[in-house]
Amino acid sequence: MYGLISKMKTLPGQRDALVDILVEGSKAMPGCIHYIIAKDVHDEHILWVVETWDSTQAHQSSLSLPTVVEAMARGKPLIVSIERRIETLPVSIASCD
């Protein structure tokens, strides 16, 4: 498996617009196990994206999907910076229901 955690800082007032773009752009990505978009509770300009993939290759392949390419093009102008990008090696995925 392959994991990625990203911290994105948006332009003022654009966080919700970026959420909408990411939600739409993350549908039907083969090999994606989880794609979690979360608002930071302490900073209204920060989004966290937590991804879990079957493999590094699955993640890399997703970057050429038309929906992802379009989402990146639409979302990029709303992002001030990607302040942190952490690659992980997930070892367990549990459902907590």
PDB file of N, CA and C in Angstrom:
ATOM      1  N   MET A   1       0.830  -1.180   0.000  1.00  0.00           N
ATOM      2  CA  MET A   1       0.000   0.000   0.000  1.00  0.00           C
ATOM      3  C   MET A   1       0.881   1.253   0.000  1.00  0.00           C
ATOM      4  N   TYR A   2       0.224   2.366  -0.288  1.00  0.00           N
ATOM      5  CA  TYR A   2       0.910   3.652  -0.345  1.00  0.00           C
ATOM      6  C   TYR A   2      -0.014   4.696   0.278  1.00  0.00           C
ATOM      7  N   GLY A   3       0.544   5.598   1.073  1.00  0.00           N
ATOM      8  CA  GLY A   3      -0.250   6.646   1.699  1.00  0.00           C
ATOM      9  C   GLY A   3       0.357   8.018   1.465  1.00  0.00           C
ATOM     10  N   LEU A   4      -0.504   8.998   1.509  1.00  0.00           N
ATOM     11  CA  LEU A   4      -0.076  10.371   1.303  1.00  0.00           C
ATOM     12  C   LEU A   4      -0.940  11.273   2.172  1.00  0.00           C
ATOM     13  N   ILE A   5      -0.290  12.189   2.890  1.00  0.00           N
ATOM     14  CA  ILE A   5      -0.993  13.179   3.706  1.00  0.00           C
ATOM     15  C   ILE A   5      -0.516  14.547   3.236  1.00  0.00           C
ATOM     16  N   SER A   6      -1.472  15.392   2.832  1.00  0.00           N
ATOM     17  CA  SER A   6      -1.126  16.716   2.322  1.00  0.00           C
ATOM     18  C   SER A   6      -1.850  17.790   3.115  1.00  0.00           C
ATOM     19  N   LYS A   7      -1.139  18.877   3.401  1.00  0.00           N
ATOM     20  CA  LYS A   7      -1.705  20.051   4.056  1.00  0.00           C
ATOM     21  C   LYS A   7      -1.682  21.182   3.042  1.00  0.00           C
ATOM     22  N   MET A   8      -2.872  21.676   2.692  1.00  0.00           N
ATOM     23  CA  MET A   8      -2.987  22.726   1.694  1.00  0.00           C
ATOM     24  C   MET A   8      -3.521  23.997   2.320  1.00  0.00           C
ATOM     25  N   LYS A   9      -2.905  25.115   1.966  1.00  0.00           N
ATOM     26  CA  LYS A   9      -3.387  26.418   2.411  1.00  0.00           C
ATOM     27  C   LYS A   9      -4.085  27.074   1.226  1.00  0.00           C
ATOM     28  N   THR A  10      -5.342  27.475   1.425  1.00  0.00           N
ATOM     29  CA  THR A  10      -6.121  28.070   0.349  1.00  0.00           C
ATOM     30  C   THR A  10      -6.131  29.591   0.451  1.00  0.00           C
ATOM     31  N   LEU A  11      -6.515  30.208  -0.635  1.00  0.00           N
ATOM     32  CA  LEU A  11      -6.763  31.646  -0.622  1.00  0.00           C
ATOM     33  C   LEU A  11      -7.907  31.939   0.345  1.00  0.00           C
ATOM     34  N   PRO A  12      -7.948  33.123   0.942  1.00  0.00           N
ATOM     35  CA  PRO A  12      -9.052  33.460   1.848  1.00  0.00           C
ATOM     36  C   PRO A  12     -10.414  33.260   1.169  1.00  0.00           C
ATOM     37  N   GLY A  13     -11.295  32.573   1.871  1.00  0.00           N
ATOM     38  CA  GLY A  13     -12.646  32.344   1.393  1.00  0.00           C
ATOM     39  C   GLY A  13     -12.799  31.281   0.322  1.00  0.00           C
ATOM     40  N   GLN A  14     -11.725  30.555  -0.001  1.00  0.00           N
ATOM     41  CA  GLN A  14     -11.771  29.575  -1.087  1.00  0.00           C
ATOM     42  C   GLN A  14     -11.711  28.119  -0.628  1.00  0.00           C
ATOM     43  N   ARG A  15     -11.655  27.883   0.681  1.00  0.00           N
ATOM     44  CA  ARG A  15     -11.515  26.502   1.163  1.00  0.00           C
ATOM     45  C   ARG A  15     -12.685  25.629   0.728  1.00  0.00           C
ATOM     46  N   ASP A  16     -13.921  26.110   0.890  1.00  0.00           N
ATOM     47  CA  ASP A  16     -15.082  25.309   0.523  1.00  0.00           C
ATOM     48  C   ASP A  16     -15.136  25.039  -0.981  1.00  0.00           C
ATOM     49  N   ALA A  17     -14.728  26.015  -1.774  1.00  0.00           N
ATOM     50  CA  ALA A  17     -14.685  25.810  -3.227  1.00  0.00           C
ATOM     51  C   ALA A  17     -13.676  24.718  -3.578  1.00  0.00           C
ATOM     52  N   LEU A  18     -12.534  24.713  -2.901  1.00  0.00           N
ATOM     53  CA  LEU A  18     -11.538  23.674  -3.150  1.00  0.00           C
ATOM     54  C   LEU A  18     -12.054  22.311  -2.690  1.00  0.00           C
ATOM     55  N   VAL A  19     -12.758  22.265  -1.568  1.00  0.00           N
ATOM     56  CA  VAL A  19     -13.365  21.006  -1.119  1.00  0.00           C
ATOM     57  C   VAL A  19     -14.264  20.449  -2.220  1.00  0.00           C
ATOM     58  N   ASP A  20     -15.135  21.290  -2.768  1.00  0.00           N
ATOM     59  CA  ASP A  20     -16.053  20.842  -3.817  1.00  0.00           C
ATOM     60  C   ASP A  20     -15.302  20.284  -5.018  1.00  0.00           C
ATOM     61  N   ILE A  21     -14.244  20.953  -5.424  1.00  0.00           N
ATOM     62  CA  ILE A  21     -13.443  20.507  -6.565  1.00  0.00           C
ATOM     63  C   ILE A  21     -12.785  19.164  -6.260  1.00  0.00           C
ATOM     64  N   LEU A  22     -12.214  19.026  -5.067  1.00  0.00           N
ATOM     65  CA  LEU A  22     -11.543  17.775  -4.697  1.00  0.00           C
ATOM     66  C   LEU A  22     -12.531  16.619  -4.580  1.00  0.00           C
ATOM     67  N   VAL A  23     -13.698  16.882  -4.029  1.00  0.00           N
ATOM     68  CA  VAL A  23     -14.719  15.828  -3.915  1.00  0.00           C
ATOM     69  C   VAL A  23     -15.104  15.338  -5.304  1.00  0.00           C
ATOM     70  N   GLU A  24     -15.392  16.268  -6.193  1.00  0.00           N
ATOM     71  CA  GLU A  24     -15.794  15.891  -7.554  1.00  0.00           C
ATOM     72  C   GLU A  24     -14.659  15.183  -8.290  1.00  0.00           C
ATOM     73  N   GLY A  25     -13.450  15.661  -8.132  1.00  0.00           N
ATOM     74  CA  GLY A  25     -12.309  15.106  -8.854  1.00  0.00           C
ATOM     75  C   GLY A  25     -11.807  13.777  -8.328  1.00  0.00           C
ATOM     76  N   SER A  26     -12.249  13.391  -7.138  1.00  0.00           N
ATOM     77  CA  SER A  26     -11.728  12.153  -6.538  1.00  0.00           C
ATOM     78  C   SER A  26     -12.667  10.958  -6.707  1.00  0.00           C
ATOM     79  N   LYS A  27     -13.670  11.097  -7.534  1.00  0.00           N
ATOM     80  CA  LYS A  27     -14.590   9.977  -7.784  1.00  0.00           C
ATOM     81  C   LYS A  27     -13.975   9.007  -8.783  1.00  0.00           C
ATOM     82  N   ALA A  28     -14.214   7.725  -8.561  1.00  0.00           N
ATOM     83  CA  ALA A  28     -13.794   6.678  -9.505  1.00  0.00           C
ATOM     84  C   ALA A  28     -12.308   6.707  -9.825  1.00  0.00           C
ATOM     85  N   MET A  29     -11.486   6.564  -8.778  1.00  0.00           N
ATOM     86  CA  MET A  29     -10.040   6.483  -8.969  1.00  0.00           C
ATOM     87  C   MET A  29      -9.617   5.042  -8.665  1.00  0.00           C
ATOM     88  N   PRO A  30      -9.328   4.248  -9.697  1.00  0.00           N
ATOM     89  CA  PRO A  30      -8.938   2.858  -9.471  1.00  0.00           C
ATOM     90  C   PRO A  30      -7.729   2.749  -8.545  1.00  0.00           C
ATOM     91  N   GLY A  31      -7.826   1.850  -7.586  1.00  0.00           N
ATOM     92  CA  GLY A  31      -6.739   1.634  -6.647  1.00  0.00           C
ATOM     93  C   GLY A  31      -6.784   2.510  -5.414  1.00  0.00           C
ATOM     94  N   CYS A  32      -7.731   3.448  -5.363  1.00  0.00           N
ATOM     95  CA  CYS A  32      -7.851   4.320  -4.195  1.00  0.00           C
ATOM     96  C   CYS A  32      -8.690   3.613  -3.128  1.00  0.00           C
ATOM     97  N   ILE A  33      -8.132   3.464  -1.953  1.00  0.00           N
ATOM     98  CA  ILE A  33      -8.831   2.826  -0.835  1.00  0.00           C
ATOM     99  C   ILE A  33      -9.574   3.875  -0.019  1.00  0.00           C
ATOM    100  N   HIS A  34      -8.900   4.969   0.301  1.00  0.00           N
ATOM    101  CA  HIS A  34      -9.493   6.089   1.036  1.00  0.00           C
ATOM    102  C   HIS A  34      -8.972   7.402   0.473  1.00  0.00           C
ATOM    103  N   TYR A  35      -9.863   8.379   0.388  1.00  0.00           N
ATOM    104  CA  TYR A  35      -9.472   9.738   0.009  1.00  0.00           C
ATOM    105  C   TYR A  35     -10.268  10.646   0.925  1.00  0.00           C
ATOM    106  N   ILE A  36      -9.638  11.091   1.973  1.00  0.00           N
ATOM    107  CA  ILE A  36     -10.314  11.871   3.013  1.00  0.00           C
ATOM    108  C   ILE A  36      -9.915  13.332   2.884  1.00  0.00           C
ATOM    109  N   ILE A  37     -10.922  14.189   2.784  1.00  0.00           N
ATOM    110  CA  ILE A  37     -10.708  15.634   2.718  1.00  0.00           C
ATOM    111  C   ILE A  37     -11.233  16.198   4.030  1.00  0.00           C
ATOM    112  N   ALA A  38     -10.386  16.906   4.772  1.00  0.00           N
ATOM    113  CA  ALA A  38     -10.780  17.408   6.086  1.00  0.00           C
ATOM    114  C   ALA A  38     -10.395  18.873   6.245  1.00  0.00           C
ATOM    115  N   LYS A  39     -11.319  19.621   6.845  1.00  0.00           N
ATOM    116  CA  LYS A  39     -11.041  21.016   7.169  1.00  0.00           C
ATOM    117  C   LYS A  39     -10.297  21.086   8.497  1.00  0.00           C
ATOM    118  N   ASP A  40      -9.274  21.904   8.556  1.00  0.00           N
ATOM    119  CA  ASP A  40      -8.557  22.138   9.812  1.00  0.00           C
ATOM    120  C   ASP A  40      -9.483  22.930  10.739  1.00  0.00           C
ATOM    121  N   VAL A  41      -9.596  22.490  11.990  1.00  0.00           N
ATOM    122  CA  VAL A  41     -10.510  23.164  12.919  1.00  0.00           C
ATOM    123  C   VAL A  41      -9.924  24.447  13.499  1.00  0.00           C
ATOM    124  N   HIS A  42      -8.634  24.668  13.350  1.00  0.00           N
ATOM    125  CA  HIS A  42      -7.984  25.843  13.931  1.00  0.00           C
ATOM    126  C   HIS A  42      -7.627  26.926  12.907  1.00  0.00           C
ATOM    127  N   ASP A  43      -7.665  26.585  11.621  1.00  0.00           N
ATOM    128  CA  ASP A  43      -7.282  27.546  10.590  1.00  0.00           C
ATOM    129  C   ASP A  43      -8.252  27.412   9.414  1.00  0.00           C
ATOM    130  N   GLU A  44      -9.009  28.457   9.156  1.00  0.00           N
ATOM    131  CA  GLU A  44     -10.053  28.411   8.124  1.00  0.00           C
ATOM    132  C   GLU A  44      -9.511  28.374   6.699  1.00  0.00           C
ATOM    133  N   HIS A  45      -8.206  28.422   6.537  1.00  0.00           N
ATOM    134  CA  HIS A  45      -7.594  28.383   5.212  1.00  0.00           C
ATOM    135  C   HIS A  45      -6.919  27.040   4.911  1.00  0.00           C
ATOM    136  N   ILE A  46      -6.952  26.116   5.876  1.00  0.00           N
ATOM    137  CA  ILE A  46      -6.207  24.866   5.727  1.00  0.00           C
ATOM    138  C   ILE A  46      -7.132  23.684   5.456  1.00  0.00           C
ATOM    139  N   LEU A  47      -6.706  22.841   4.495  1.00  0.00           N
ATOM    140  CA  LEU A  47      -7.336  21.555   4.212  1.00  0.00           C
ATOM    141  C   LEU A  47      -6.291  20.467   4.374  1.00  0.00           C
ATOM    142  N   TRP A  48      -6.717  19.340   4.880  1.00  0.00           N
ATOM    143  CA  TRP A  48      -5.875  18.154   4.956  1.00  0.00           C
ATOM    144  C   TRP A  48      -6.470  17.106   4.013  1.00  0.00           C
ATOM    145  N   VAL A  49      -5.634  16.451   3.240  1.00  0.00           N
ATOM    146  CA  VAL A  49      -6.072  15.358   2.384  1.00  0.00           C
ATOM    147  C   VAL A  49      -5.252  14.133   2.763  1.00  0.00           C
ATOM    148  N   VAL A  50      -5.971  13.072   3.133  1.00  0.00           N
ATOM    149  CA  VAL A  50      -5.331  11.822   3.550  1.00  0.00           C
ATOM    150  C   VAL A  50      -5.740  10.748   2.546  1.00  0.00           C
ATOM    151  N   GLU A  51      -4.750  10.157   1.899  1.00  0.00           N
ATOM    152  CA  GLU A  51      -5.005   9.176   0.842  1.00  0.00           C
ATOM    153  C   GLU A  51      -4.378   7.832   1.191  1.00  0.00           C
ATOM    154  N   THR A  52      -5.092   6.761   0.853  1.00  0.00           N
ATOM    155  CA  THR A  52      -4.549   5.412   0.947  1.00  0.00           C
ATOM    156  C   THR A  52      -4.804   4.732  -0.392  1.00  0.00           C
ATOM    157  N   TRP A  53      -3.756   4.175  -0.943  1.00  0.00           N
ATOM    158  CA  TRP A  53      -3.806   3.557  -2.265  1.00  0.00           C
ATOM    159  C   TRP A  53      -3.329   2.117  -2.202  1.00  0.00           C
ATOM    160  N   ASP A  54      -3.761   1.315  -3.182  1.00  0.00           N
ATOM    161  CA  ASP A  54      -3.265  -0.060  -3.304  1.00  0.00           C
ATOM    162  C   ASP A  54      -1.761  -0.077  -3.495  1.00  0.00           C
ATOM    163  N   SER A  55      -1.257   0.924  -4.251  1.00  0.00           N
ATOM    164  CA  SER A  55       0.169   0.958  -4.571  1.00  0.00           C
ATOM    165  C   SER A  55       0.570   2.372  -4.984  1.00  0.00           C
ATOM    166  N   THR A  56       1.859   2.596  -5.018  1.00  0.00           N
ATOM    167  CA  THR A  56       2.385   3.865  -5.519  1.00  0.00           C
ATOM    168  C   THR A  56       1.977   4.056  -6.972  1.00  0.00           C
ATOM    169  N   GLN A  57       2.012   2.977  -7.735  1.00  0.00           N
ATOM    170  CA  GLN A  57       1.641   3.040  -9.154  1.00  0.00           C
ATOM    171  C   GLN A  57       0.183   3.445  -9.339  1.00  0.00           C
ATOM    172  N   ALA A  58      -0.711   2.941  -8.483  1.00  0.00           N
ATOM    173  CA  ALA A  58      -2.129   3.323  -8.581  1.00  0.00           C
ATOM    174  C   ALA A  58      -2.284   4.825  -8.374  1.00  0.00           C
ATOM    175  N   HIS A  59      -1.561   5.356  -7.388  1.00  0.00           N
ATOM    176  CA  HIS A  59      -1.614   6.809  -7.159  1.00  0.00           C
ATOM    177  C   HIS A  59      -1.067   7.562  -8.364  1.00  0.00           C
ATOM    178  N   GLN A  60       0.067   7.141  -8.861  1.00  0.00           N
ATOM    179  CA  GLN A  60       0.693   7.812 -10.001  1.00  0.00           C
ATOM    180  C   GLN A  60      -0.227   7.773 -11.217  1.00  0.00           C
ATOM    181  N   SER A  61      -0.870   6.641 -11.460  1.00  0.00           N
ATOM    182  CA  SER A  61      -1.779   6.506 -12.599  1.00  0.00           C
ATOM    183  C   SER A  61      -2.986   7.421 -12.465  1.00  0.00           C
ATOM    184  N   SER A  62      -3.440   7.651 -11.236  1.00  0.00           N
ATOM    185  CA  SER A  62      -4.618   8.501 -11.025  1.00  0.00           C
ATOM    186  C   SER A  62      -4.369   9.926 -11.496  1.00  0.00           C
ATOM    187  N   LEU A  63      -3.128  10.356 -11.494  1.00  0.00           N
ATOM    188  CA  LEU A  63      -2.803  11.726 -11.859  1.00  0.00           C
ATOM    189  C   LEU A  63      -3.054  12.036 -13.337  1.00  0.00           C
ATOM    190  N   SER A  64      -3.258  10.988 -14.143  1.00  0.00           N
ATOM    191  CA  SER A  64      -3.549  11.209 -15.558  1.00  0.00           C
ATOM    192  C   SER A  64      -5.021  10.985 -15.897  1.00  0.00           C
ATOM    193  N   LEU A  65      -5.856  10.656 -14.910  1.00  0.00           N
ATOM    194  CA  LEU A  65      -7.288  10.512 -15.160  1.00  0.00           C
ATOM    195  C   LEU A  65      -7.881  11.873 -15.519  1.00  0.00           C
ATOM    196  N   PRO A  66      -8.768  11.934 -16.510  1.00  0.00           N
ATOM    197  CA  PRO A  66      -9.348  13.223 -16.912  1.00  0.00           C
ATOM    198  C   PRO A  66     -10.000  13.991 -15.761  1.00  0.00           C
ATOM    199  N   THR A  67     -10.704  13.309 -14.871  1.00  0.00           N
ATOM    200  CA  THR A  67     -11.347  14.007 -13.749  1.00  0.00           C
ATOM    201  C   THR A  67     -10.328  14.598 -12.790  1.00  0.00           C
ATOM    202  N   VAL A  68      -9.221  13.908 -12.597  1.00  0.00           N
ATOM    203  CA  VAL A  68      -8.168  14.390 -11.702  1.00  0.00           C
ATOM    204  C   VAL A  68      -7.412  15.543 -12.356  1.00  0.00           C
ATOM    205  N   VAL A  69      -7.104  15.413 -13.629  1.00  0.00           N
ATOM    206  CA  VAL A  69      -6.414  16.488 -14.356  1.00  0.00           C
ATOM    207  C   VAL A  69      -7.256  17.765 -14.314  1.00  0.00           C
ATOM    208  N   GLU A  70      -8.567  17.626 -14.543  1.00  0.00           N
ATOM    209  CA  GLU A  70      -9.448  18.797 -14.514  1.00  0.00           C
ATOM    210  C   GLU A  70      -9.505  19.395 -13.110  1.00  0.00           C
ATOM    211  N   ALA A  71      -9.614  18.535 -12.086  1.00  0.00           N
ATOM    212  CA  ALA A  71      -9.670  19.026 -10.702  1.00  0.00           C
ATOM    213  C   ALA A  71      -8.390  19.766 -10.340  1.00  0.00           C
ATOM    214  N   MET A  72      -7.252  19.246 -10.758  1.00  0.00           N
ATOM    215  CA  MET A  72      -5.986  19.922 -10.456  1.00  0.00           C
ATOM    216  C   MET A  72      -5.929  21.283 -11.139  1.00  0.00           C
ATOM    217  N   ALA A  73      -6.404  21.365 -12.370  1.00  0.00           N
ATOM    218  CA  ALA A  73      -6.386  22.633 -13.093  1.00  0.00           C
ATOM    219  C   ALA A  73      -7.331  23.652 -12.448  1.00  0.00           C
ATOM    220  N   ARG A  74      -8.492  23.202 -12.018  1.00  0.00           N
ATOM    221  CA  ARG A  74      -9.452  24.109 -11.381  1.00  0.00           C
ATOM    222  C   ARG A  74      -9.039  24.489  -9.965  1.00  0.00           C
ATOM    223  N   GLY A  75      -8.424  23.550  -9.251  1.00  0.00           N
ATOM    224  CA  GLY A  75      -8.070  23.792  -7.856  1.00  0.00           C
ATOM    225  C   GLY A  75      -6.788  24.566  -7.642  1.00  0.00           C
ATOM    226  N   LYS A  76      -5.846  24.415  -8.535  1.00  0.00           N
ATOM    227  CA  LYS A  76      -4.529  25.048  -8.359  1.00  0.00           C
ATOM    228  C   LYS A  76      -4.601  26.549  -8.088  1.00  0.00           C
ATOM    229  N   PRO A  77      -5.447  27.312  -8.797  1.00  0.00           N
ATOM    230  CA  PRO A  77      -5.505  28.761  -8.526  1.00  0.00           C
ATOM    231  C   PRO A  77      -6.050  29.110  -7.133  1.00  0.00           C
ATOM    232  N   LEU A  78      -6.692  28.165  -6.464  1.00  0.00           N
ATOM    233  CA  LEU A  78      -7.253  28.413  -5.135  1.00  0.00           C
ATOM    234  C   LEU A  78      -6.270  28.093  -4.012  1.00  0.00           C
ATOM    235  N   ILE A  79      -5.148  27.477  -4.356  1.00  0.00           N
ATOM    236  CA  ILE A  79      -4.165  27.024  -3.365  1.00  0.00           C
ATOM    237  C   ILE A  79      -3.015  28.016  -3.275  1.00  0.00           C
ATOM    238  N   VAL A  80      -2.772  28.504  -2.060  1.00  0.00           N
ATOM    239  CA  VAL A  80      -1.623  29.375  -1.811  1.00  0.00           C
ATOM    240  C   VAL A  80      -0.356  28.533  -1.768  1.00  0.00           C
ATOM    241  N   SER A  81      -0.438  27.409  -1.039  1.00  0.00           N
ATOM    242  CA  SER A  81       0.722  26.533  -0.927  1.00  0.00           C
ATOM    243  C   SER A  81       0.300  25.156  -0.447  1.00  0.00           C
ATOM    244  N   ILE A  82       1.138  24.188  -0.755  1.00  0.00           N
ATOM    245  CA  ILE A  82       1.020  22.875  -0.148  1.00  0.00           C
ATOM    246  C   ILE A  82       2.135  22.847   0.876  1.00  0.00           C
ATOM    247  N   GLU A  83       1.743  23.061   2.137  1.00  0.00           N
ATOM    248  CA  GLU A  83       2.721  23.285   3.202  1.00  0.00           C
ATOM    249  C   GLU A  83       3.408  22.006   3.665  1.00  0.00           C
ATOM    250  N   ARG A  84       2.749  20.906   3.454  1.00  0.00           N
ATOM    251  CA  ARG A  84       3.328  19.643   3.913  1.00  0.00           C
ATOM    252  C   ARG A  84       2.809  18.532   3.025  1.00  0.00           C
ATOM    253  N   ARG A  85       3.678  17.626   2.670  1.00  0.00           N
ATOM    254  CA  ARG A  85       3.309  16.443   1.890  1.00  0.00           C
ATOM    255  C   ARG A  85       4.108  15.283   2.452  1.00  0.00           C
ATOM    256  N   ILE A  86       3.412  14.359   3.061  1.00  0.00           N
ATOM    257  CA  ILE A  86       4.072  13.253   3.738  1.00  0.00           C
ATOM    258  C   ILE A  86       3.674  11.938   3.077  1.00  0.00           C
ATOM    259  N   GLU A  87       4.650  11.168   2.647  1.00  0.00           N
ATOM    260  CA  GLU A  87       4.377   9.831   2.115  1.00  0.00           C
ATOM    261  C   GLU A  87       4.433   8.842   3.270  1.00  0.00           C
ATOM    262  N   THR A  88       3.495   7.880   3.252  1.00  0.00           N
ATOM    263  CA  THR A  88       3.454   6.889   4.310  1.00  0.00           C
ATOM    264  C   THR A  88       3.349   5.483   3.709  1.00  0.00           C
ATOM    265  N   LEU A  89       3.582   4.510   4.538  1.00  0.00           N
ATOM    266  CA  LEU A  89       3.416   3.107   4.173  1.00  0.00           C
ATOM    267  C   LEU A  89       2.363   2.519   5.124  1.00  0.00           C
ATOM    268  N   PRO A  90       1.080   2.576   4.727  1.00  0.00           N
ATOM    269  CA  PRO A  90       0.035   2.064   5.620  1.00  0.00           C
ATOM    270  C   PRO A  90       0.248   0.584   5.938  1.00  0.00           C
ATOM    271  N   VAL A  91       0.034   0.239   7.175  1.00  0.00           N
ATOM    272  CA  VAL A  91       0.205  -1.153   7.596  1.00  0.00           C
ATOM    273  C   VAL A  91      -1.104  -1.792   8.033  1.00  0.00           C
ATOM    274  N   SER A  92      -2.129  -0.980   8.286  1.00  0.00           N
ATOM    275  CA  SER A  92      -3.420  -1.523   8.700  1.00  0.00           C
ATOM    276  C   SER A  92      -4.522  -0.530   8.358  1.00  0.00           C
ATOM    277  N   ILE A  93      -5.642  -1.056   7.895  1.00  0.00           N
ATOM    278  CA  ILE A  93      -6.820  -0.246   7.646  1.00  0.00           C
ATOM    279  C   ILE A  93      -7.957  -0.923   8.392  1.00  0.00           C
ATOM    280  N   ALA A  94      -8.555  -0.199   9.329  1.00  0.00           N
ATOM    281  CA  ALA A  94      -9.625  -0.771  10.129  1.00  0.00           C
ATOM    282  C   ALA A  94     -10.902   0.036   9.939  1.00  0.00           C
ATOM    283  N   SER A  95     -12.008  -0.648   9.926  1.00  0.00           N
ATOM    284  CA  SER A  95     -13.303   0.014   9.916  1.00  0.00           C
ATOM    285  C   SER A  95     -13.768   0.111  11.354  1.00  0.00           C
ATOM    286  N   CYS A  96     -14.174   1.295  11.773  1.00  0.00           N
ATOM    287  CA  CYS A  96     -14.484   1.527  13.188  1.00  0.00           C
ATOM    288  C   CYS A  96     -15.979   1.566  13.465  1.00  0.00           C
ATOM    289  N   ASP A  97     -16.779   0.807  12.754  1.00  0.00           N
ATOM    290  CA  ASP A  97     -18.208   0.837  13.012  1.00  0.00           C
ATOM    291  C   ASP A  97     -18.651  -0.222  13.931  1.00  0.00           C
TER     292      ASP A  97
END
